[in-house]
Amino acid sequence: MINHLKTKKLSYAQHFLFAFRVAFKLSLSSLFFTVHALLPFIPIPYSLNLESMALYLFEKNNDLEN
């Protein structure tokens, strides 16, 4: 675990906040998809749809790489 943090040059707190934000956004997206599955007339907001989430994850991954 420590190697992972050193490789990414993050403190434990920075890593926690980063991972928590990503997990929270993915959970929110999942919730909207579940609601949409049950009630198809309720649209999924653009910021939580598949395209937007893929872009978000790509950007976050790039943030860690740089």
PDB file of N, CA and C in Angstrom:
ATOM      1  N   MET A   1       0.832  -1.198   0.000  1.00  0.00           N
ATOM      2  CA  MET A   1       0.000   0.000   0.000  1.00  0.00           C
ATOM      3  C   MET A   1       0.874   1.258   0.000  1.00  0.00           C
ATOM      4  N   ILE A   2       1.867   1.283   0.847  1.00  0.00           N
ATOM      5  CA  ILE A   2       2.726   2.464   0.932  1.00  0.00           C
ATOM      6  C   ILE A   2       3.416   2.721  -0.406  1.00  0.00           C
ATOM      7  N   ASN A   3       3.807   1.651  -1.092  1.00  0.00           N
ATOM      8  CA  ASN A   3       4.434   1.790  -2.401  1.00  0.00           C
ATOM      9  C   ASN A   3       3.503   2.508  -3.378  1.00  0.00           C
ATOM     10  N   HIS A   4       2.225   2.158  -3.330  1.00  0.00           N
ATOM     11  CA  HIS A   4       1.232   2.786  -4.212  1.00  0.00           C
ATOM     12  C   HIS A   4       1.173   4.291  -3.958  1.00  0.00           C
ATOM     13  N   LEU A   5       1.164   4.686  -2.701  1.00  0.00           N
ATOM     14  CA  LEU A   5       1.100   6.112  -2.360  1.00  0.00           C
ATOM     15  C   LEU A   5       2.377   6.832  -2.768  1.00  0.00           C
ATOM     16  N   LYS A   6       3.515   6.189  -2.593  1.00  0.00           N
ATOM     17  CA  LYS A   6       4.785   6.808  -3.005  1.00  0.00           C
ATOM     18  C   LYS A   6       4.854   6.951  -4.517  1.00  0.00           C
ATOM     19  N   THR A   7       4.396   5.919  -5.232  1.00  0.00           N
ATOM     20  CA  THR A   7       4.418   5.954  -6.691  1.00  0.00           C
ATOM     21  C   THR A   7       3.563   7.103  -7.213  1.00  0.00           C
ATOM     22  N   LYS A   8       2.408   7.310  -6.607  1.00  0.00           N
ATOM     23  CA  LYS A   8       1.496   8.364  -7.036  1.00  0.00           C
ATOM     24  C   LYS A   8       1.807   9.713  -6.399  1.00  0.00           C
ATOM     25  N   LYS A   9       2.780   9.719  -5.480  1.00  0.00           N
ATOM     26  CA  LYS A   9       3.185  10.945  -4.774  1.00  0.00           C
ATOM     27  C   LYS A   9       2.002  11.611  -4.067  1.00  0.00           C
ATOM     28  N   LEU A  10       1.289  10.787  -3.291  1.00  0.00           N
ATOM     29  CA  LEU A  10       0.131  11.272  -2.547  1.00  0.00           C
ATOM     30  C   LEU A  10       0.274  10.902  -1.078  1.00  0.00           C
ATOM     31  N   SER A  11      -0.272  11.749  -0.226  1.00  0.00           N
ATOM     32  CA  SER A  11      -0.372  11.381   1.180  1.00  0.00           C
ATOM     33  C   SER A  11      -1.588  10.464   1.329  1.00  0.00           C
ATOM     34  N   TYR A  12      -1.701   9.850   2.481  1.00  0.00           N
ATOM     35  CA  TYR A  12      -2.852   8.982   2.730  1.00  0.00           C
ATOM     36  C   TYR A  12      -4.148   9.785   2.627  1.00  0.00           C
ATOM     37  N   ALA A  13      -4.162  10.988   3.197  1.00  0.00           N
ATOM     38  CA  ALA A  13      -5.368  11.830   3.170  1.00  0.00           C
ATOM     39  C   ALA A  13      -5.731  12.240   1.743  1.00  0.00           C
ATOM     40  N   GLN A  14      -4.731  12.612   0.945  1.00  0.00           N
ATOM     41  CA  GLN A  14      -4.997  12.984  -0.452  1.00  0.00           C
ATOM     42  C   GLN A  14      -5.561  11.794  -1.221  1.00  0.00           C
ATOM     43  N   HIS A  15      -4.975  10.637  -0.997  1.00  0.00           N
ATOM     44  CA  HIS A  15      -5.444   9.421  -1.675  1.00  0.00           C
ATOM     45  C   HIS A  15      -6.870   9.100  -1.260  1.00  0.00           C
ATOM     46  N   PHE A  16      -7.139   9.207   0.051  1.00  0.00           N
ATOM     47  CA  PHE A  16      -8.487   8.937   0.557  1.00  0.00           C
ATOM     48  C   PHE A  16      -9.511   9.862  -0.095  1.00  0.00           C
ATOM     49  N   LEU A  17      -9.219  11.162  -0.117  1.00  0.00           N
ATOM     50  CA  LEU A  17     -10.161  12.117  -0.699  1.00  0.00           C
ATOM     51  C   LEU A  17     -10.376  11.856  -2.192  1.00  0.00           C
ATOM     52  N   PHE A  18      -9.308  11.578  -2.904  1.00  0.00           N
ATOM     53  CA  PHE A  18      -9.412  11.289  -4.331  1.00  0.00           C
ATOM     54  C   PHE A  18     -10.303  10.064  -4.560  1.00  0.00           C
ATOM     55  N   ALA A  19      -9.970   8.965  -3.881  1.00  0.00           N
ATOM     56  CA  ALA A  19     -10.722   7.718  -4.070  1.00  0.00           C
ATOM     57  C   ALA A  19     -12.171   7.865  -3.596  1.00  0.00           C
ATOM     58  N   PHE A  20     -12.377   8.586  -2.505  1.00  0.00           N
ATOM     59  CA  PHE A  20     -13.733   8.772  -1.989  1.00  0.00           C
ATOM     60  C   PHE A  20     -14.595   9.570  -2.968  1.00  0.00           C
ATOM     61  N   ARG A  21     -14.038  10.625  -3.550  1.00  0.00           N
ATOM     62  CA  ARG A  21     -14.792  11.432  -4.515  1.00  0.00           C
ATOM     63  C   ARG A  21     -15.187  10.609  -5.736  1.00  0.00           C
ATOM     64  N   VAL A  22     -14.242   9.822  -6.241  1.00  0.00           N
ATOM     65  CA  VAL A  22     -14.539   8.976  -7.399  1.00  0.00           C
ATOM     66  C   VAL A  22     -15.617   7.955  -7.026  1.00  0.00           C
ATOM     67  N   ALA A  23     -15.466   7.312  -5.878  1.00  0.00           N
ATOM     68  CA  ALA A  23     -16.446   6.314  -5.437  1.00  0.00           C
ATOM     69  C   ALA A  23     -17.823   6.942  -5.236  1.00  0.00           C
ATOM     70  N   PHE A  24     -17.853   8.146  -4.672  1.00  0.00           N
ATOM     71  CA  PHE A  24     -19.130   8.816  -4.446  1.00  0.00           C
ATOM     72  C   PHE A  24     -19.837   9.125  -5.765  1.00  0.00           C
ATOM     73  N   LYS A  25     -19.074   9.643  -6.729  1.00  0.00           N
ATOM     74  CA  LYS A  25     -19.677   9.983  -8.024  1.00  0.00           C
ATOM     75  C   LYS A  25     -20.165   8.718  -8.738  1.00  0.00           C
ATOM     76  N   LEU A  26     -19.394   7.642  -8.668  1.00  0.00           N
ATOM     77  CA  LEU A  26     -19.820   6.385  -9.277  1.00  0.00           C
ATOM     78  C   LEU A  26     -21.063   5.830  -8.586  1.00  0.00           C
ATOM     79  N   SER A  27     -21.130   5.960  -7.273  1.00  0.00           N
ATOM     80  CA  SER A  27     -22.307   5.505  -6.523  1.00  0.00           C
ATOM     81  C   SER A  27     -23.544   6.311  -6.904  1.00  0.00           C
ATOM     82  N   LEU A  28     -23.370   7.603  -7.034  1.00  0.00           N
ATOM     83  CA  LEU A  28     -24.481   8.463  -7.437  1.00  0.00           C
ATOM     84  C   LEU A  28     -24.967   8.096  -8.838  1.00  0.00           C
ATOM     85  N   SER A  29     -24.036   7.863  -9.737  1.00  0.00           N
ATOM     86  CA  SER A  29     -24.391   7.444 -11.091  1.00  0.00           C
ATOM     87  C   SER A  29     -25.147   6.122 -11.061  1.00  0.00           C
ATOM     88  N   SER A  30     -24.655   5.195 -10.274  1.00  0.00           N
ATOM     89  CA  SER A  30     -25.306   3.887 -10.147  1.00  0.00           C
ATOM     90  C   SER A  30     -26.732   4.028  -9.612  1.00  0.00           C
ATOM     91  N   LEU A  31     -26.909   4.916  -8.647  1.00  0.00           N
ATOM     92  CA  LEU A  31     -28.246   5.157  -8.100  1.00  0.00           C
ATOM     93  C   LEU A  31     -29.192   5.686  -9.177  1.00  0.00           C
ATOM     94  N   PHE A  32     -28.722   6.642  -9.978  1.00  0.00           N
ATOM     95  CA  PHE A  32     -29.563   7.187 -11.044  1.00  0.00           C
ATOM     96  C   PHE A  32     -29.889   6.136 -12.094  1.00  0.00           C
ATOM     97  N   PHE A  33     -28.928   5.270 -12.414  1.00  0.00           N
ATOM     98  CA  PHE A  33     -29.200   4.195 -13.373  1.00  0.00           C
ATOM     99  C   PHE A  33     -30.233   3.219 -12.816  1.00  0.00           C
ATOM    100  N   THR A  34     -30.170   2.939 -11.514  1.00  0.00           N
ATOM    101  CA  THR A  34     -31.149   2.045 -10.895  1.00  0.00           C
ATOM    102  C   THR A  34     -32.542   2.661 -10.926  1.00  0.00           C
ATOM    103  N   VAL A  35     -32.633   3.941 -10.589  1.00  0.00           N
ATOM    104  CA  VAL A  35     -33.923   4.637 -10.643  1.00  0.00           C
ATOM    105  C   VAL A  35     -34.444   4.648 -12.074  1.00  0.00           C
ATOM    106  N   HIS A  36     -33.576   4.937 -13.029  1.00  0.00           N
ATOM    107  CA  HIS A  36     -33.974   4.967 -14.439  1.00  0.00           C
ATOM    108  C   HIS A  36     -34.435   3.588 -14.918  1.00  0.00           C
ATOM    109  N   ALA A  37     -33.800   2.533 -14.420  1.00  0.00           N
ATOM    110  CA  ALA A  37     -34.212   1.172 -14.795  1.00  0.00           C
ATOM    111  C   ALA A  37     -35.640   0.887 -14.322  1.00  0.00           C
ATOM    112  N   LEU A  38     -35.969   1.383 -13.137  1.00  0.00           N
ATOM    113  CA  LEU A  38     -37.308   1.152 -12.580  1.00  0.00           C
ATOM    114  C   LEU A  38     -38.341   2.123 -13.143  1.00  0.00           C
ATOM    115  N   LEU A  39     -37.915   3.344 -13.382  1.00  0.00           N
ATOM    116  CA  LEU A  39     -38.803   4.403 -13.860  1.00  0.00           C
ATOM    117  C   LEU A  39     -38.163   5.056 -15.089  1.00  0.00           C
ATOM    118  N   PRO A  40     -38.325   4.433 -16.259  1.00  0.00           N
ATOM    119  CA  PRO A  40     -37.623   4.890 -17.458  1.00  0.00           C
ATOM    120  C   PRO A  40     -37.921   6.319 -17.894  1.00  0.00           C
ATOM    121  N   PHE A  41     -38.999   6.894 -17.409  1.00  0.00           N
ATOM    122  CA  PHE A  41     -39.329   8.269 -17.783  1.00  0.00           C
ATOM    123  C   PHE A  41     -38.481   9.291 -17.033  1.00  0.00           C
ATOM    124  N   ILE A  42     -37.737   8.843 -16.015  1.00  0.00           N
ATOM    125  CA  ILE A  42     -36.822   9.733 -15.298  1.00  0.00           C
ATOM    126  C   ILE A  42     -35.456   9.642 -15.988  1.00  0.00           C
ATOM    127  N   PRO A  43     -35.017  10.734 -16.604  1.00  0.00           N
ATOM    128  CA  PRO A  43     -33.750  10.680 -17.347  1.00  0.00           C
ATOM    129  C   PRO A  43     -32.535  10.686 -16.414  1.00  0.00           C
ATOM    130  N   ILE A  44     -31.451  10.175 -16.934  1.00  0.00           N
ATOM    131  CA  ILE A  44     -30.182  10.208 -16.204  1.00  0.00           C
ATOM    132  C   ILE A  44     -29.516  11.539 -16.545  1.00  0.00           C
ATOM    133  N   PRO A  45     -29.155  12.327 -15.548  1.00  0.00           N
ATOM    134  CA  PRO A  45     -28.493  13.604 -15.842  1.00  0.00           C
ATOM    135  C   PRO A  45     -27.217  13.384 -16.641  1.00  0.00           C
ATOM    136  N   TYR A  46     -26.915  14.315 -17.524  1.00  0.00           N
ATOM    137  CA  TYR A  46     -25.734  14.163 -18.381  1.00  0.00           C
ATOM    138  C   TYR A  46     -24.471  13.941 -17.559  1.00  0.00           C
ATOM    139  N   SER A  47     -24.343  14.641 -16.455  1.00  0.00           N
ATOM    140  CA  SER A  47     -23.111  14.537 -15.654  1.00  0.00           C
ATOM    141  C   SER A  47     -22.923  13.154 -15.031  1.00  0.00           C
ATOM    142  N   LEU A  48     -23.966  12.318 -15.089  1.00  0.00           N
ATOM    143  CA  LEU A  48     -23.879  10.976 -14.506  1.00  0.00           C
ATOM    144  C   LEU A  48     -24.102   9.869 -15.529  1.00  0.00           C
ATOM    145  N   ASN A  49     -24.260  10.221 -16.820  1.00  0.00           N
ATOM    146  CA  ASN A  49     -24.482   9.168 -17.820  1.00  0.00           C
ATOM    147  C   ASN A  49     -23.163   8.463 -18.156  1.00  0.00           C
ATOM    148  N   LEU A  50     -23.227   7.424 -18.973  1.00  0.00           N
ATOM    149  CA  LEU A  50     -22.037   6.618 -19.255  1.00  0.00           C
ATOM    150  C   LEU A  50     -20.921   7.406 -19.929  1.00  0.00           C
ATOM    151  N   GLU A  51     -21.277   8.223 -20.907  1.00  0.00           N
ATOM    152  CA  GLU A  51     -20.256   9.000 -21.617  1.00  0.00           C
ATOM    153  C   GLU A  51     -19.548   9.958 -20.663  1.00  0.00           C
ATOM    154  N   SER A  52     -20.324  10.667 -19.879  1.00  0.00           N
ATOM    155  CA  SER A  52     -19.764  11.631 -18.940  1.00  0.00           C
ATOM    156  C   SER A  52     -18.906  10.937 -17.883  1.00  0.00           C
ATOM    157  N   MET A  53     -19.360   9.799 -17.383  1.00  0.00           N
ATOM    158  CA  MET A  53     -18.599   9.078 -16.366  1.00  0.00           C
ATOM    159  C   MET A  53     -17.293   8.539 -16.941  1.00  0.00           C
ATOM    160  N   ALA A  54     -17.327   8.063 -18.190  1.00  0.00           N
ATOM    161  CA  ALA A  54     -16.104   7.571 -18.825  1.00  0.00           C
ATOM    162  C   ALA A  54     -15.088   8.711 -18.967  1.00  0.00           C
ATOM    163  N   LEU A  55     -15.554   9.872 -19.392  1.00  0.00           N
ATOM    164  CA  LEU A  55     -14.664  11.032 -19.504  1.00  0.00           C
ATOM    165  C   LEU A  55     -14.113  11.446 -18.141  1.00  0.00           C
ATOM    166  N   TYR A  56     -14.972  11.437 -17.143  1.00  0.00           N
ATOM    167  CA  TYR A  56     -14.569  11.798 -15.776  1.00  0.00           C
ATOM    168  C   TYR A  56     -13.470  10.862 -15.279  1.00  0.00           C
ATOM    169  N   LEU A  57     -13.667   9.555 -15.471  1.00  0.00           N
ATOM    170  CA  LEU A  57     -12.680   8.581 -15.007  1.00  0.00           C
ATOM    171  C   LEU A  57     -11.373   8.707 -15.792  1.00  0.00           C
ATOM    172  N   PHE A  58     -11.476   8.953 -17.077  1.00  0.00           N
ATOM    173  CA  PHE A  58     -10.285   9.153 -17.903  1.00  0.00           C
ATOM    174  C   PHE A  58      -9.487  10.362 -17.411  1.00  0.00           C
ATOM    175  N   GLU A  59     -10.187  11.463 -17.133  1.00  0.00           N
ATOM    176  CA  GLU A  59      -9.528  12.675 -16.637  1.00  0.00           C
ATOM    177  C   GLU A  59      -8.900  12.450 -15.265  1.00  0.00           C
ATOM    178  N   LYS A  60      -9.606  11.768 -14.394  1.00  0.00           N
ATOM    179  CA  LYS A  60      -9.075  11.506 -13.053  1.00  0.00           C
ATOM    180  C   LYS A  60      -7.850  10.609 -13.128  1.00  0.00           C
ATOM    181  N   ASN A  61      -7.881   9.627 -14.016  1.00  0.00           N
ATOM    182  CA  ASN A  61      -6.722   8.760 -14.195  1.00  0.00           C
ATOM    183  C   ASN A  61      -5.523   9.563 -14.705  1.00  0.00           C
ATOM    184  N   ASN A  62      -5.783  10.474 -15.648  1.00  0.00           N
ATOM    185  CA  ASN A  62      -4.712  11.331 -16.156  1.00  0.00           C
ATOM    186  C   ASN A  62      -4.160  12.247 -15.069  1.00  0.00           C
ATOM    187  N   ASP A  63      -5.038  12.726 -14.186  1.00  0.00           N
ATOM    188  CA  ASP A  63      -4.584  13.563 -13.073  1.00  0.00           C
ATOM    189  C   ASP A  63      -3.576  12.808 -12.209  1.00  0.00           C
ATOM    190  N   LEU A  64      -3.827  11.528 -11.993  1.00  0.00           N
ATOM    191  CA  LEU A  64      -2.910  10.730 -11.180  1.00  0.00           C
ATOM    192  C   LEU A  64      -1.602  10.444 -11.895  1.00  0.00           C
ATOM    193  N   GLU A  65      -1.667  10.315 -13.206  1.00  0.00           N
ATOM    194  CA  GLU A  65      -0.478  10.006 -13.991  1.00  0.00           C
ATOM    195  C   GLU A  65       0.482  11.189 -14.059  1.00  0.00           C
ATOM    196  N   ASN A  66      -0.048  12.406 -13.990  1.00  0.00           N
ATOM    197  CA  ASN A  66       0.793  13.609 -14.106  1.00  0.00           C
ATOM    198  C   ASN A  66       1.303  14.094 -12.800  1.00  0.00           C
TER     199      ASN A  66
END
